[in-house]
Structure formats: structure tokens, C-alpha cells
Amino acid sequence: MDTWRKLAPVDVSMPDINKASSKTETMGALSDGPAWQAAAAAGFDMSLIELNLAKTPWERLQDHDEALAFASLLQEAMQKRDAKT
């Protein structure tokens, strides 16, 4: 039995954000879409998506690098803690 065939189809097409003249218009186009509305209705925190989409790709890469550095520090701290016991 194919249970996936019983699910209702969801329109996940993206609006043409290349035609938007500003980030505000781009966010408006995205937030009006059915996939965005479905995610918000399901309880996803869409403000985090909006915050990250407002950043440039370079800013998002910098954030990623900072998160990796923090994760590395946490891993080192756990290894030091575990070595003491």
C-alpha cells in the first residue's frame, strides 16, 4: 500500500523573486506562498527564516562559520571534561 499517495498535494512553487525590486517585496512574495503559510500554520518560527533571508549570502556564511567555531569549542570542552574522569 502506497501511503504517500493518500497525502494531499501541496503547491510548493516559488514566486519569481528575481522580479522583486527590494528585499521587502521578496519577503512579501515568499510569505504569501502556500508552502510558507503551511509551515507557519504547522508552528514553524518563520521569523528566523525572514531574519536569515534578509542577510546577504556572505553574512549567512559568516554566521555558519561562527556556529561551527562554537560547536568546535563545545566539543573540545566535552573532551577535556571526559578526559578528567
N, C-alpha and C. Protein backbone atom coordinates (compact mmCIF):
# COMPACT_ATOMS: atom_id res chain seq x y z
N MET A 1 0.85 -1.19 0.00
CA MET A 1 0.00 0.00 0.00
C MET A 1 0.89 1.24 0.00
N ASP A 2 0.63 2.15 -0.91
CA ASP A 2 1.41 3.38 -1.00
C ASP A 2 0.72 4.49 -0.21
N THR A 3 1.15 4.68 1.03
CA THR A 3 0.50 5.70 1.87
C THR A 3 0.81 7.11 1.41
N TRP A 4 1.95 7.31 0.76
CA TRP A 4 2.29 8.66 0.33
C TRP A 4 1.32 9.19 -0.72
N ARG A 5 0.67 8.31 -1.42
CA ARG A 5 -0.28 8.75 -2.45
C ARG A 5 -1.57 9.30 -1.83
N LYS A 6 -1.80 9.02 -0.56
CA LYS A 6 -3.01 9.48 0.11
C LYS A 6 -2.88 10.92 0.60
N LEU A 7 -1.66 11.45 0.63
CA LEU A 7 -1.45 12.81 1.12
C LEU A 7 -1.95 13.82 0.10
N ALA A 8 -2.50 14.90 0.62
CA ALA A 8 -2.98 15.96 -0.26
C ALA A 8 -1.79 16.69 -0.88
N PRO A 9 -1.86 16.99 -2.16
CA PRO A 9 -0.75 17.71 -2.78
C PRO A 9 -0.64 19.13 -2.25
N VAL A 10 0.58 19.61 -2.15
CA VAL A 10 0.84 20.97 -1.69
C VAL A 10 1.58 21.70 -2.79
N ASP A 11 1.12 22.90 -3.09
CA ASP A 11 1.79 23.71 -4.10
C ASP A 11 3.04 24.32 -3.48
N VAL A 12 4.21 23.90 -3.94
CA VAL A 12 5.46 24.41 -3.40
C VAL A 12 6.19 25.28 -4.42
N SER A 13 5.47 25.74 -5.41
CA SER A 13 6.12 26.59 -6.41
C SER A 13 6.54 27.90 -5.76
N MET A 14 7.67 28.38 -6.20
CA MET A 14 8.23 29.61 -5.65
C MET A 14 7.83 30.79 -6.53
N PRO A 15 7.53 31.93 -5.91
CA PRO A 15 7.27 33.12 -6.72
C PRO A 15 8.56 33.57 -7.40
N ASP A 16 8.44 34.33 -8.45
CA ASP A 16 9.62 34.82 -9.16
C ASP A 16 10.20 35.99 -8.37
N ILE A 17 11.16 35.69 -7.48
CA ILE A 17 11.72 36.73 -6.62
C ILE A 17 12.71 37.60 -7.37
N ASN A 18 13.12 37.18 -8.57
CA ASN A 18 14.04 37.99 -9.35
C ASN A 18 13.38 39.26 -9.87
N LYS A 19 12.06 39.27 -9.95
CA LYS A 19 11.35 40.45 -10.42
C LYS A 19 11.07 41.44 -9.29
N ALA A 20 11.31 41.06 -8.05
CA ALA A 20 11.08 41.96 -6.92
C ALA A 20 12.15 43.05 -6.93
N SER A 21 11.73 44.25 -6.58
CA SER A 21 12.67 45.37 -6.61
C SER A 21 13.34 45.61 -5.27
N SER A 22 12.90 44.93 -4.24
CA SER A 22 13.51 45.12 -2.93
C SER A 22 13.37 43.85 -2.10
N LYS A 23 14.13 43.81 -0.99
CA LYS A 23 14.03 42.66 -0.09
C LYS A 23 12.63 42.57 0.51
N THR A 24 12.01 43.72 0.76
CA THR A 24 10.66 43.72 1.33
C THR A 24 9.68 43.07 0.37
N GLU A 25 9.79 43.39 -0.92
CA GLU A 25 8.91 42.77 -1.90
C GLU A 25 9.19 41.27 -2.00
N THR A 26 10.46 40.88 -1.92
CA THR A 26 10.82 39.47 -1.98
C THR A 26 10.20 38.73 -0.80
N MET A 27 10.34 39.28 0.40
CA MET A 27 9.77 38.62 1.58
C MET A 27 8.26 38.55 1.47
N GLY A 28 7.64 39.61 0.95
CA GLY A 28 6.19 39.58 0.78
C GLY A 28 5.77 38.49 -0.18
N ALA A 29 6.53 38.34 -1.26
CA ALA A 29 6.21 37.31 -2.25
C ALA A 29 6.36 35.93 -1.64
N LEU A 30 7.40 35.72 -0.86
CA LEU A 30 7.61 34.41 -0.23
C LEU A 30 6.56 34.13 0.84
N SER A 31 6.27 35.11 1.68
CA SER A 31 5.37 34.87 2.80
C SER A 31 3.92 34.70 2.37
N ASP A 32 3.61 35.08 1.14
CA ASP A 32 2.25 34.90 0.65
C ASP A 32 2.03 33.53 0.04
N GLY A 33 3.11 32.77 -0.14
CA GLY A 33 3.01 31.47 -0.80
C GLY A 33 2.37 30.41 0.08
N PRO A 34 1.78 29.40 -0.53
CA PRO A 34 1.10 28.35 0.24
C PRO A 34 2.05 27.52 1.10
N ALA A 35 3.27 27.28 0.62
CA ALA A 35 4.22 26.50 1.42
C ALA A 35 4.60 27.27 2.68
N TRP A 36 4.80 28.58 2.53
CA TRP A 36 5.13 29.45 3.67
C TRP A 36 3.98 29.44 4.68
N GLN A 37 2.78 29.61 4.19
CA GLN A 37 1.61 29.64 5.06
C GLN A 37 1.41 28.29 5.76
N ALA A 38 1.66 27.20 5.04
CA ALA A 38 1.51 25.88 5.65
C ALA A 38 2.54 25.67 6.75
N ALA A 39 3.77 26.12 6.52
CA ALA A 39 4.81 25.98 7.54
C ALA A 39 4.47 26.82 8.77
N ALA A 40 3.99 28.03 8.56
CA ALA A 40 3.61 28.89 9.68
C ALA A 40 2.45 28.28 10.46
N ALA A 41 1.48 27.73 9.74
CA ALA A 41 0.33 27.09 10.39
C ALA A 41 0.74 25.85 11.18
N ALA A 42 1.82 25.19 10.73
CA ALA A 42 2.30 23.99 11.41
C ALA A 42 3.13 24.33 12.65
N GLY A 43 3.39 25.62 12.85
CA GLY A 43 4.09 26.03 14.06
C GLY A 43 5.56 26.37 13.87
N PHE A 44 6.03 26.40 12.63
CA PHE A 44 7.42 26.78 12.40
C PHE A 44 7.61 28.28 12.67
N ASP A 45 8.75 28.63 13.25
CA ASP A 45 9.06 30.03 13.54
C ASP A 45 9.58 30.68 12.27
N MET A 46 8.71 31.29 11.52
CA MET A 46 9.08 31.86 10.23
C MET A 46 9.89 33.15 10.39
N SER A 47 9.90 33.72 11.58
CA SER A 47 10.70 34.93 11.80
C SER A 47 12.19 34.62 11.64
N LEU A 48 12.60 33.39 11.98
CA LEU A 48 14.00 33.01 11.79
C LEU A 48 14.35 32.92 10.30
N ILE A 49 13.42 32.43 9.52
CA ILE A 49 13.63 32.37 8.08
C ILE A 49 13.72 33.79 7.52
N GLU A 50 12.80 34.64 7.94
CA GLU A 50 12.81 36.03 7.47
C GLU A 50 14.11 36.72 7.84
N LEU A 51 14.58 36.50 9.06
CA LEU A 51 15.82 37.12 9.51
C LEU A 51 17.00 36.69 8.64
N ASN A 52 17.08 35.40 8.34
CA ASN A 52 18.19 34.90 7.54
C ASN A 52 18.08 35.27 6.07
N LEU A 53 16.88 35.33 5.54
CA LEU A 53 16.72 35.73 4.15
C LEU A 53 17.01 37.22 3.94
N ALA A 54 16.93 37.99 5.01
CA ALA A 54 17.25 39.42 4.91
C ALA A 54 18.76 39.65 4.84
N LYS A 55 19.55 38.62 5.17
CA LYS A 55 21.01 38.73 5.14
C LYS A 55 21.53 38.40 3.75
N THR A 56 22.72 38.90 3.48
CA THR A 56 23.38 38.55 2.23
C THR A 56 23.93 37.13 2.37
N PRO A 57 24.21 36.47 1.25
CA PRO A 57 24.82 35.14 1.34
C PRO A 57 26.12 35.17 2.14
N TRP A 58 26.92 36.22 1.99
CA TRP A 58 28.16 36.33 2.75
C TRP A 58 27.88 36.38 4.25
N GLU A 59 26.88 37.15 4.66
CA GLU A 59 26.54 37.23 6.09
C GLU A 59 26.09 35.88 6.62
N ARG A 60 25.34 35.14 5.81
CA ARG A 60 24.90 33.81 6.24
C ARG A 60 26.08 32.85 6.36
N LEU A 61 27.05 32.96 5.46
CA LEU A 61 28.26 32.13 5.57
C LEU A 61 29.06 32.48 6.82
N GLN A 62 29.15 33.76 7.14
CA GLN A 62 29.86 34.17 8.36
C GLN A 62 29.16 33.61 9.60
N ASP A 63 27.83 33.68 9.62
CA ASP A 63 27.08 33.11 10.74
C ASP A 63 27.35 31.61 10.86
N HIS A 64 27.40 30.94 9.73
CA HIS A 64 27.67 29.50 9.73
C HIS A 64 29.05 29.20 10.30
N ASP A 65 30.04 29.97 9.87
CA ASP A 65 31.40 29.78 10.38
C ASP A 65 31.46 30.00 11.89
N GLU A 66 30.76 31.02 12.38
CA GLU A 66 30.73 31.28 13.82
C GLU A 66 30.08 30.13 14.57
N ALA A 67 29.01 29.58 14.01
CA ALA A 67 28.33 28.45 14.65
C ALA A 67 29.24 27.21 14.68
N LEU A 68 29.98 26.98 13.59
CA LEU A 68 30.91 25.85 13.57
C LEU A 68 32.03 26.03 14.60
N ALA A 69 32.54 27.25 14.73
CA ALA A 69 33.59 27.52 15.71
C ALA A 69 33.07 27.28 17.12
N PHE A 70 31.84 27.70 17.38
CA PHE A 70 31.24 27.49 18.70
C PHE A 70 31.05 26.00 18.98
N ALA A 71 30.58 25.26 17.98
CA ALA A 71 30.39 23.81 18.14
C ALA A 71 31.73 23.13 18.41
N SER A 72 32.78 23.59 17.77
CA SER A 72 34.12 23.03 17.98
C SER A 72 34.59 23.29 19.41
N LEU A 73 34.33 24.50 19.90
CA LEU A 73 34.69 24.82 21.30
C LEU A 73 33.95 23.93 22.28
N LEU A 74 32.67 23.70 22.02
CA LEU A 74 31.88 22.84 22.90
C LEU A 74 32.42 21.41 22.87
N GLN A 75 32.77 20.95 21.69
CA GLN A 75 33.30 19.58 21.56
C GLN A 75 34.62 19.44 22.32
N GLU A 76 35.49 20.43 22.20
CA GLU A 76 36.77 20.40 22.93
C GLU A 76 36.53 20.41 24.44
N ALA A 77 35.59 21.22 24.90
CA ALA A 77 35.30 21.28 26.33
C ALA A 77 34.78 19.94 26.83
N MET A 78 33.94 19.29 26.05
CA MET A 78 33.42 17.97 26.46
C MET A 78 34.54 16.94 26.50
N GLN A 79 35.46 17.01 25.55
CA GLN A 79 36.58 16.07 25.54
C GLN A 79 37.48 16.28 26.75
N LYS A 80 37.73 17.52 27.11
CA LYS A 80 38.54 17.81 28.31
C LYS A 80 37.84 17.33 29.57
N ARG A 81 36.53 17.54 29.62
CA ARG A 81 35.77 17.08 30.78
C ARG A 81 35.81 15.57 30.90
N ASP A 82 35.62 14.91 29.78
CA ASP A 82 35.60 13.44 29.79
C ASP A 82 36.98 12.85 30.09
N ALA A 83 38.05 13.55 29.72
CA ALA A 83 39.40 13.07 29.98
C ALA A 83 39.72 13.09 31.47
N LYS A 84 39.10 13.98 32.21
CA LYS A 84 39.36 14.10 33.66
C LYS A 84 38.75 12.95 34.44
N THR A 85 37.72 12.31 33.90
CA THR A 85 37.06 11.24 34.64
C THR A 85 37.55 9.88 34.25
